[in-house]
Each structure stands twice: as C-alpha cells, then as structure tokens.
C-alpha cells in the first residue's frame, strides 16, 4: 500500500505544494475553488 504525498496531491490538482498545504491546514487565503480541487485530488 502506497501513501499519497502532498506532492502527489499538488500534481493531481495542478497547483503548488504550498497551496495544498494551506488548503489542508486551513491557513492563509484559499479560494473555495482551490480548496475543492485539493479535496477532489485527495
């Protein structure tokens, strides 16, 4: 069983690793659209 990394999520969503981190940790300003992309990629 392989784990999904933050880098994998970023690549699938087409956004940066730092943006994925901010979306998952609810820090910074993230649009609803971007947060939805991250949730779909996870």
N, C-alpha and C. Protein backbone atom coordinates (compact mmCIF):
# COMPACT_ATOMS: atom_id res chain seq x y z
N UNK A 1 0.85 -1.18 0.00
CA UNK A 1 0.00 0.00 0.00
C UNK A 1 0.89 1.24 0.00
N UNK A 2 0.67 2.12 -0.96
CA UNK A 2 1.47 3.33 -1.01
C UNK A 2 0.67 4.51 -0.46
N UNK A 3 1.39 5.44 0.08
CA UNK A 3 0.77 6.62 0.65
C UNK A 3 0.72 7.74 -0.38
N UNK A 4 -0.26 8.59 -0.27
CA UNK A 4 -0.37 9.75 -1.14
C UNK A 4 0.36 10.90 -0.45
N UNK A 5 1.29 11.51 -1.16
CA UNK A 5 2.04 12.62 -0.58
C UNK A 5 1.42 13.96 -0.98
N UNK A 6 1.83 14.99 -0.30
CA UNK A 6 1.35 16.33 -0.62
C UNK A 6 1.78 16.71 -2.03
N UNK A 7 2.91 16.22 -2.46
CA UNK A 7 3.39 16.46 -3.82
C UNK A 7 2.47 15.80 -4.84
N UNK A 8 2.01 14.58 -4.53
CA UNK A 8 1.06 13.88 -5.41
C UNK A 8 -0.25 14.66 -5.54
N UNK A 9 -0.74 15.16 -4.42
CA UNK A 9 -1.99 15.93 -4.43
C UNK A 9 -1.82 17.19 -5.27
N UNK A 10 -0.70 17.88 -5.08
CA UNK A 10 -0.45 19.11 -5.84
C UNK A 10 -0.40 18.83 -7.33
N UNK A 11 0.25 17.76 -7.71
CA UNK A 11 0.36 17.42 -9.12
C UNK A 11 -1.01 17.08 -9.71
N UNK A 12 -1.80 16.31 -8.99
CA UNK A 12 -3.14 15.94 -9.47
C UNK A 12 -4.05 17.15 -9.59
N UNK A 13 -3.93 18.09 -8.64
CA UNK A 13 -4.80 19.26 -8.64
C UNK A 13 -4.28 20.37 -9.55
N UNK A 14 -3.03 20.27 -9.95
CA UNK A 14 -2.46 21.29 -10.82
C UNK A 14 -2.12 22.58 -10.10
N UNK A 15 -1.78 22.46 -8.81
CA UNK A 15 -1.43 23.63 -8.01
C UNK A 15 -0.14 23.35 -7.25
N UNK A 16 0.37 24.36 -6.56
CA UNK A 16 1.65 24.20 -5.88
C UNK A 16 1.50 23.43 -4.56
N UNK A 17 2.63 22.89 -4.10
CA UNK A 17 2.66 22.16 -2.84
C UNK A 17 2.26 23.08 -1.69
N UNK A 18 2.74 24.31 -1.70
CA UNK A 18 2.42 25.24 -0.62
C UNK A 18 0.93 25.57 -0.58
N UNK A 19 0.30 25.65 -1.74
CA UNK A 19 -1.14 25.91 -1.79
C UNK A 19 -1.91 24.73 -1.22
N UNK A 20 -1.48 23.52 -1.53
CA UNK A 20 -2.12 22.32 -0.97
C UNK A 20 -1.98 22.34 0.55
N UNK A 21 -0.81 22.67 1.04
CA UNK A 21 -0.58 22.73 2.48
C UNK A 21 -1.50 23.74 3.14
N UNK A 22 -1.62 24.92 2.55
CA UNK A 22 -2.50 25.95 3.12
C UNK A 22 -3.96 25.50 3.10
N UNK A 23 -4.37 24.81 2.05
CA UNK A 23 -5.75 24.33 1.95
C UNK A 23 -6.05 23.26 2.99
N UNK A 24 -5.11 22.34 3.18
CA UNK A 24 -5.33 21.24 4.12
C UNK A 24 -5.28 21.70 5.58
N UNK A 25 -4.47 22.73 5.85
CA UNK A 25 -4.30 23.21 7.22
C UNK A 25 -5.17 24.42 7.54
N UNK A 26 -5.99 24.84 6.56
CA UNK A 26 -6.88 25.99 6.75
C UNK A 26 -6.13 27.24 7.20
N UNK A 27 -4.98 27.49 6.59
CA UNK A 27 -4.22 28.69 6.88
C UNK A 27 -4.09 29.50 5.60
N UNK A 28 -3.99 30.78 5.74
CA UNK A 28 -3.86 31.63 4.56
C UNK A 28 -5.19 31.79 3.86
N UNK A 29 -5.14 32.49 2.75
CA UNK A 29 -6.36 32.76 1.98
C UNK A 29 -6.41 31.82 0.79
N UNK A 30 -7.37 30.93 0.80
CA UNK A 30 -7.55 29.94 -0.26
C UNK A 30 -8.98 30.08 -0.79
N UNK A 31 -9.11 30.15 -2.09
CA UNK A 31 -10.46 30.26 -2.67
C UNK A 31 -11.20 28.93 -2.50
N UNK A 32 -12.49 29.02 -2.54
CA UNK A 32 -13.33 27.82 -2.42
C UNK A 32 -13.05 26.86 -3.57
N UNK A 33 -12.79 27.41 -4.75
CA UNK A 33 -12.50 26.59 -5.92
C UNK A 33 -11.21 25.80 -5.73
N UNK A 34 -10.19 26.45 -5.21
CA UNK A 34 -8.90 25.78 -4.98
C UNK A 34 -9.04 24.71 -3.91
N UNK A 35 -9.76 25.02 -2.85
CA UNK A 35 -9.97 24.04 -1.78
C UNK A 35 -10.71 22.82 -2.33
N UNK A 36 -11.66 23.03 -3.20
CA UNK A 36 -12.40 21.92 -3.81
C UNK A 36 -11.48 21.07 -4.68
N UNK A 37 -10.56 21.70 -5.41
CA UNK A 37 -9.59 20.95 -6.22
C UNK A 37 -8.75 20.04 -5.35
N UNK A 38 -8.31 20.56 -4.21
CA UNK A 38 -7.49 19.76 -3.29
C UNK A 38 -8.31 18.60 -2.75
N UNK A 39 -9.53 18.85 -2.34
CA UNK A 39 -10.38 17.79 -1.79
C UNK A 39 -10.65 16.70 -2.82
N UNK A 40 -10.83 17.07 -4.08
CA UNK A 40 -11.04 16.06 -5.13
C UNK A 40 -9.77 15.25 -5.37
N UNK A 41 -8.62 15.90 -5.27
CA UNK A 41 -7.35 15.22 -5.53
C UNK A 41 -6.99 14.25 -4.42
N UNK A 42 -7.48 14.52 -3.22
CA UNK A 42 -7.20 13.63 -2.08
C UNK A 42 -8.12 12.45 -2.21
